[in-house]
Amino acid sequence: MTTLEWREDLNTGIEVIDNQHRRIVAIANALQEARENHDRQAVGEVLEELVDYTLSHFTFEEALMEDAGYEFDRAHKRLHEIFVAHIRQYQTRFQAGEDVADELKRMLSRWLFQHIRNDDQAYVDLVKRNMLKLTTDTSEGGWLQLALKRFFRGRAA
């Protein structure tokens, strides 16, 4: 099995999302390493991390899309739900004693890269515009002022 490598064409231009995607690639590579070391416990731990991190990433990404008013956010969320269901099936098979690491790694590399290049690229421009709008609105009731008050109460921001 080969190591997954991040390529520039996978960048969305939304740094926080790109960093999360890179983390998922790193988790996939950790799966490969655990498998090559014949460390079943490590494979199980990587599977847990993959599920947990992917769920967090999807929740964050879906919130960005919803906040931006992305018209296909429900369809995109459905793609995420299907992916999570597949990952959970691998997890169940693993817990039943099956060696799923190679198959899971192949599925991850195909799905993740295709999803980033196609499905995620569809929301990028709208989300970037919305993020710019949110962070440049310095009005008293604007997102930036509310966030600064929330995170920097009583301190100079």
C-alpha atoms as a PDB file:
ATOM      1  CA  MET A   1       0.000   0.000   0.000  1.00  0.00           C
ATOM      2  CA  THR A   2       1.315   3.430  -0.846  1.00  0.00           C
ATOM      3  CA  THR A   3       1.268   6.489   1.342  1.00  0.00           C
ATOM      4  CA  LEU A   4      -1.347   9.088   0.482  1.00  0.00           C
ATOM      5  CA  GLU A   5       0.195  12.389  -0.503  1.00  0.00           C
ATOM      6  CA  TRP A   6      -1.396  15.798  -0.358  1.00  0.00           C
ATOM      7  CA  ARG A   7      -1.317  17.629  -3.670  1.00  0.00           C
ATOM      8  CA  GLU A   8      -1.933  21.290  -4.359  1.00  0.00           C
ATOM      9  CA  ASP A   9      -5.062  20.537  -6.412  1.00  0.00           C
ATOM     10  CA  LEU A  10      -6.690  19.332  -3.187  1.00  0.00           C
ATOM     11  CA  ASN A  11      -6.501  22.771  -1.582  1.00  0.00           C
ATOM     12  CA  THR A  12      -9.832  24.555  -1.314  1.00  0.00           C
ATOM     13  CA  GLY A  13      -8.285  27.866  -0.338  1.00  0.00           C
ATOM     14  CA  ILE A  14     -10.058  27.707   3.021  1.00  0.00           C
ATOM     15  CA  GLU A  15      -7.123  27.113   5.327  1.00  0.00           C
ATOM     16  CA  VAL A  16      -9.051  25.584   8.207  1.00  0.00           C
ATOM     17  CA  ILE A  17     -10.756  23.097   5.872  1.00  0.00           C
ATOM     18  CA  ASP A  18      -7.499  22.278   4.077  1.00  0.00           C
ATOM     19  CA  ASN A  19      -5.814  21.586   7.412  1.00  0.00           C
ATOM     20  CA  GLN A  20      -8.662  19.290   8.428  1.00  0.00           C
ATOM     21  CA  HIS A  21      -8.440  17.435   5.116  1.00  0.00           C
ATOM     22  CA  ARG A  22      -4.680  17.044   5.586  1.00  0.00           C
ATOM     23  CA  ARG A  23      -5.346  15.581   9.028  1.00  0.00           C
ATOM     24  CA  ILE A  24      -7.688  12.976   7.531  1.00  0.00           C
ATOM     25  CA  VAL A  25      -4.941  12.056   5.042  1.00  0.00           C
ATOM     26  CA  ALA A  26      -2.509  11.712   7.964  1.00  0.00           C
ATOM     27  CA  ILE A  27      -4.969   9.419   9.762  1.00  0.00           C
ATOM     28  CA  ALA A  28      -5.252   7.271   6.624  1.00  0.00           C
ATOM     29  CA  ASN A  29      -1.470   7.019   6.509  1.00  0.00           C
ATOM     30  CA  ALA A  30      -1.399   6.084  10.212  1.00  0.00           C
ATOM     31  CA  LEU A  31      -3.795   3.264   9.344  1.00  0.00           C
ATOM     32  CA  GLN A  32      -1.319   2.000   6.773  1.00  0.00           C
ATOM     33  CA  GLU A  33       1.549   2.210   9.250  1.00  0.00           C
ATOM     34  CA  ALA A  34      -0.397   0.297  11.908  1.00  0.00           C
ATOM     35  CA  ARG A  35      -1.265  -2.373   9.346  1.00  0.00           C
ATOM     36  CA  GLU A  36       2.336  -2.688   8.139  1.00  0.00           C
ATOM     37  CA  ASN A  37       3.462  -3.078  11.768  1.00  0.00           C
ATOM     38  CA  HIS A  38       0.858  -5.826  12.263  1.00  0.00           C
ATOM     39  CA  ASP A  39      -0.470  -3.860  15.233  1.00  0.00           C
ATOM     40  CA  ARG A  40      -4.151  -4.729  15.481  1.00  0.00           C
ATOM     41  CA  GLN A  41      -4.666  -2.525  18.541  1.00  0.00           C
ATOM     42  CA  ALA A  42      -3.199   0.472  16.690  1.00  0.00           C
ATOM     43  CA  VAL A  43      -5.458  -0.238  13.693  1.00  0.00           C
ATOM     44  CA  GLY A  44      -8.462  -0.141  16.049  1.00  0.00           C
ATOM     45  CA  GLU A  45      -7.291   3.121  17.589  1.00  0.00           C
ATOM     46  CA  VAL A  46      -6.777   4.691  14.166  1.00  0.00           C
ATOM     47  CA  LEU A  47     -10.268   3.594  13.131  1.00  0.00           C
ATOM     48  CA  GLU A  48     -11.694   5.280  16.233  1.00  0.00           C
ATOM     49  CA  GLU A  49      -9.741   8.444  15.501  1.00  0.00           C
ATOM     50  CA  LEU A  50     -10.897   8.380  11.880  1.00  0.00           C
ATOM     51  CA  VAL A  51     -14.548   8.177  12.902  1.00  0.00           C
ATOM     52  CA  ASP A  52     -14.254  10.847  15.599  1.00  0.00           C
ATOM     53  CA  TYR A  53     -12.219  13.298  13.555  1.00  0.00           C
ATOM     54  CA  THR A  54     -14.273  12.823  10.398  1.00  0.00           C
ATOM     55  CA  LEU A  55     -17.509  13.470  12.290  1.00  0.00           C
ATOM     56  CA  SER A  56     -16.053  16.669  13.756  1.00  0.00           C
ATOM     57  CA  HIS A  57     -14.781  17.796  10.365  1.00  0.00           C
ATOM     58  CA  PHE A  58     -18.100  17.111   8.668  1.00  0.00           C
ATOM     59  CA  THR A  59     -20.022  18.991  11.361  1.00  0.00           C
ATOM     60  CA  PHE A  60     -17.730  21.996  10.990  1.00  0.00           C
ATOM     61  CA  GLU A  61     -17.880  21.952   7.185  1.00  0.00           C
ATOM     62  CA  GLU A  62     -21.665  21.594   7.201  1.00  0.00           C
ATOM     63  CA  ALA A  63     -21.987  24.583   9.544  1.00  0.00           C
ATOM     64  CA  LEU A  64     -19.885  26.696   7.174  1.00  0.00           C
ATOM     65  CA  MET A  65     -22.069  25.679   4.236  1.00  0.00           C
ATOM     66  CA  GLU A  66     -25.295  26.324   6.127  1.00  0.00           C
ATOM     67  CA  ASP A  67     -24.118  29.715   7.394  1.00  0.00           C
ATOM     68  CA  ALA A  68     -23.160  30.689   3.856  1.00  0.00           C
ATOM     69  CA  GLY A  69     -26.553  29.634   2.493  1.00  0.00           C
ATOM     70  CA  TYR A  70     -25.156  26.924   0.217  1.00  0.00           C
ATOM     71  CA  GLU A  71     -28.173  25.632  -1.675  1.00  0.00           C
ATOM     72  CA  PHE A  72     -26.927  22.023  -1.855  1.00  0.00           C
ATOM     73  CA  ASP A  73     -25.920  21.718   1.797  1.00  0.00           C
ATOM     74  CA  ARG A  74     -28.466  18.949   2.487  1.00  0.00           C
ATOM     75  CA  ALA A  75     -27.215  16.870  -0.440  1.00  0.00           C
ATOM     76  CA  HIS A  76     -23.626  17.432   0.693  1.00  0.00           C
ATOM     77  CA  LYS A  77     -24.557  16.407   4.234  1.00  0.00           C
ATOM     78  CA  ARG A  78     -26.109  13.234   2.821  1.00  0.00           C
ATOM     79  CA  LEU A  79     -22.788  12.382   1.143  1.00  0.00           C
ATOM     80  CA  HIS A  80     -21.138  12.778   4.539  1.00  0.00           C
ATOM     81  CA  GLU A  81     -23.729  10.520   6.179  1.00  0.00           C
ATOM     82  CA  ILE A  82     -23.176   7.801   3.578  1.00  0.00           C
ATOM     83  CA  PHE A  83     -19.406   8.030   4.053  1.00  0.00           C
ATOM     84  CA  VAL A  84     -19.719   7.746   7.847  1.00  0.00           C
ATOM     85  CA  ALA A  85     -21.989   4.719   7.437  1.00  0.00           C
ATOM     86  CA  HIS A  86     -19.310   3.051   5.286  1.00  0.00           C
ATOM     87  CA  ILE A  87     -16.603   3.831   7.851  1.00  0.00           C
ATOM     88  CA  ARG A  88     -18.763   2.402  10.624  1.00  0.00           C
ATOM     89  CA  GLN A  89     -19.250  -0.785   8.568  1.00  0.00           C
ATOM     90  CA  TYR A  90     -15.481  -1.140   8.362  1.00  0.00           C
ATOM     91  CA  GLN A  91     -15.277  -0.553  12.094  1.00  0.00           C
ATOM     92  CA  THR A  92     -17.873  -3.274  12.746  1.00  0.00           C
ATOM     93  CA  ARG A  93     -16.079  -5.713  10.460  1.00  0.00           C
ATOM     94  CA  PHE A  94     -12.801  -4.934  12.212  1.00  0.00           C
ATOM     95  CA  GLN A  95     -14.365  -5.539  15.633  1.00  0.00           C
ATOM     96  CA  ALA A  96     -15.608  -8.892  14.334  1.00  0.00           C
ATOM     97  CA  GLY A  97     -11.990  -9.867  13.653  1.00  0.00           C
ATOM     98  CA  GLU A  98     -11.720  -9.025   9.970  1.00  0.00           C
ATOM     99  CA  ASP A  99      -8.617  -7.347   8.542  1.00  0.00           C
ATOM    100  CA  VAL A 100     -10.079  -4.305   6.792  1.00  0.00           C
ATOM    101  CA  ALA A 101      -7.113  -1.922   6.806  1.00  0.00           C
ATOM    102  CA  ASP A 102      -6.046  -2.300   3.167  1.00  0.00           C
ATOM    103  CA  GLU A 103      -9.592  -2.135   1.819  1.00  0.00           C
ATOM    104  CA  LEU A 104     -10.424   0.863   4.007  1.00  0.00           C
ATOM    105  CA  LYS A 105      -7.277   2.713   2.937  1.00  0.00           C
ATOM    106  CA  ARG A 106      -8.123   2.199  -0.747  1.00  0.00           C
ATOM    107  CA  MET A 107     -11.689   3.407  -0.193  1.00  0.00           C
ATOM    108  CA  LEU A 108     -10.451   6.426   1.761  1.00  0.00           C
ATOM    109  CA  SER A 109      -8.002   7.469  -0.932  1.00  0.00           C
ATOM    110  CA  ARG A 110     -10.606   7.231  -3.696  1.00  0.00           C
ATOM    111  CA  TRP A 111     -13.489   8.810  -1.807  1.00  0.00           C
ATOM    112  CA  LEU A 112     -11.634  11.569   0.021  1.00  0.00           C
ATOM    113  CA  PHE A 113      -9.751  12.941  -2.950  1.00  0.00           C
ATOM    114  CA  GLN A 114     -12.783  12.733  -5.241  1.00  0.00           C
ATOM    115  CA  HIS A 115     -14.959  14.390  -2.599  1.00  0.00           C
ATOM    116  CA  ILE A 116     -12.510  17.262  -2.060  1.00  0.00           C
ATOM    117  CA  ARG A 117     -11.910  17.867  -5.778  1.00  0.00           C
ATOM    118  CA  ASN A 118     -15.564  17.763  -6.755  1.00  0.00           C
ATOM    119  CA  ASP A 119     -18.119  17.998  -3.955  1.00  0.00           C
ATOM    120  CA  ASP A 120     -16.182  20.363  -1.684  1.00  0.00           C
ATOM    121  CA  GLN A 121     -15.051  22.620  -4.527  1.00  0.00           C
ATOM    122  CA  ALA A 122     -18.722  23.306  -5.269  1.00  0.00           C
ATOM    123  CA  TYR A 123     -19.199  25.260  -2.013  1.00  0.00           C
ATOM    124  CA  VAL A 124     -15.785  26.926  -1.753  1.00  0.00           C
ATOM    125  CA  ASP A 125     -16.491  30.285  -3.407  1.00  0.00           C
ATOM    126  CA  LEU A 126     -19.706  30.887  -1.483  1.00  0.00           C
ATOM    127  CA  VAL A 127     -18.182  29.895   1.865  1.00  0.00           C
ATOM    128  CA  LYS A 128     -15.073  32.034   1.260  1.00  0.00           C
ATOM    129  CA  ARG A 129     -17.232  35.069   0.454  1.00  0.00           C
ATOM    130  CA  ASN A 130     -19.322  34.469   3.563  1.00  0.00           C
ATOM    131  CA  MET A 131     -16.251  34.063   5.781  1.00  0.00           C
ATOM    132  CA  LEU A 132     -14.809  37.306   4.402  1.00  0.00           C
ATOM    133  CA  LYS A 133     -18.088  39.081   5.052  1.00  0.00           C
ATOM    134  CA  LEU A 134     -18.288  37.741   8.609  1.00  0.00           C
ATOM    135  CA  THR A 135     -14.752  38.688   9.531  1.00  0.00           C
ATOM    136  CA  THR A 136     -14.838  42.154   7.991  1.00  0.00           C
ATOM    137  CA  ASP A 137     -18.149  43.188   9.564  1.00  0.00           C
ATOM    138  CA  THR A 138     -16.942  45.264  12.506  1.00  0.00           C
ATOM    139  CA  SER A 139     -20.353  46.647  13.446  1.00  0.00           C
ATOM    140  CA  GLU A 140     -21.422  46.327  17.083  1.00  0.00           C
ATOM    141  CA  GLY A 141     -23.784  43.411  16.425  1.00  0.00           C
ATOM    142  CA  GLY A 142     -21.643  41.846  13.705  1.00  0.00           C
ATOM    143  CA  TRP A 143     -20.163  38.379  13.869  1.00  0.00           C
ATOM    144  CA  LEU A 144     -16.611  39.588  14.491  1.00  0.00           C
ATOM    145  CA  GLN A 145     -17.568  41.842  17.414  1.00  0.00           C
ATOM    146  CA  LEU A 146     -19.709  39.115  18.962  1.00  0.00           C
ATOM    147  CA  ALA A 147     -16.922  36.565  18.579  1.00  0.00           C
ATOM    148  CA  LEU A 148     -14.336  38.914  20.072  1.00  0.00           C
ATOM    149  CA  LYS A 149     -16.598  39.563  23.067  1.00  0.00           C
ATOM    150  CA  ARG A 150     -17.248  35.852  23.455  1.00  0.00           C
ATOM    151  CA  PHE A 151     -13.614  34.779  23.352  1.00  0.00           C
ATOM    152  CA  PHE A 152     -11.888  37.836  24.818  1.00  0.00           C
ATOM    153  CA  ARG A 153     -14.208  38.986  27.624  1.00  0.00           C
ATOM    154  CA  GLY A 154     -12.601  41.663  29.692  1.00  0.00           C
ATOM    155  CA  ARG A 155      -9.338  41.460  27.727  1.00  0.00           C
ATOM    156  CA  ALA A 156      -8.045  43.570  24.918  1.00  0.00           C
ATOM    157  CA  ALA A 157      -8.494  41.637  21.692  1.00  0.00           C
END
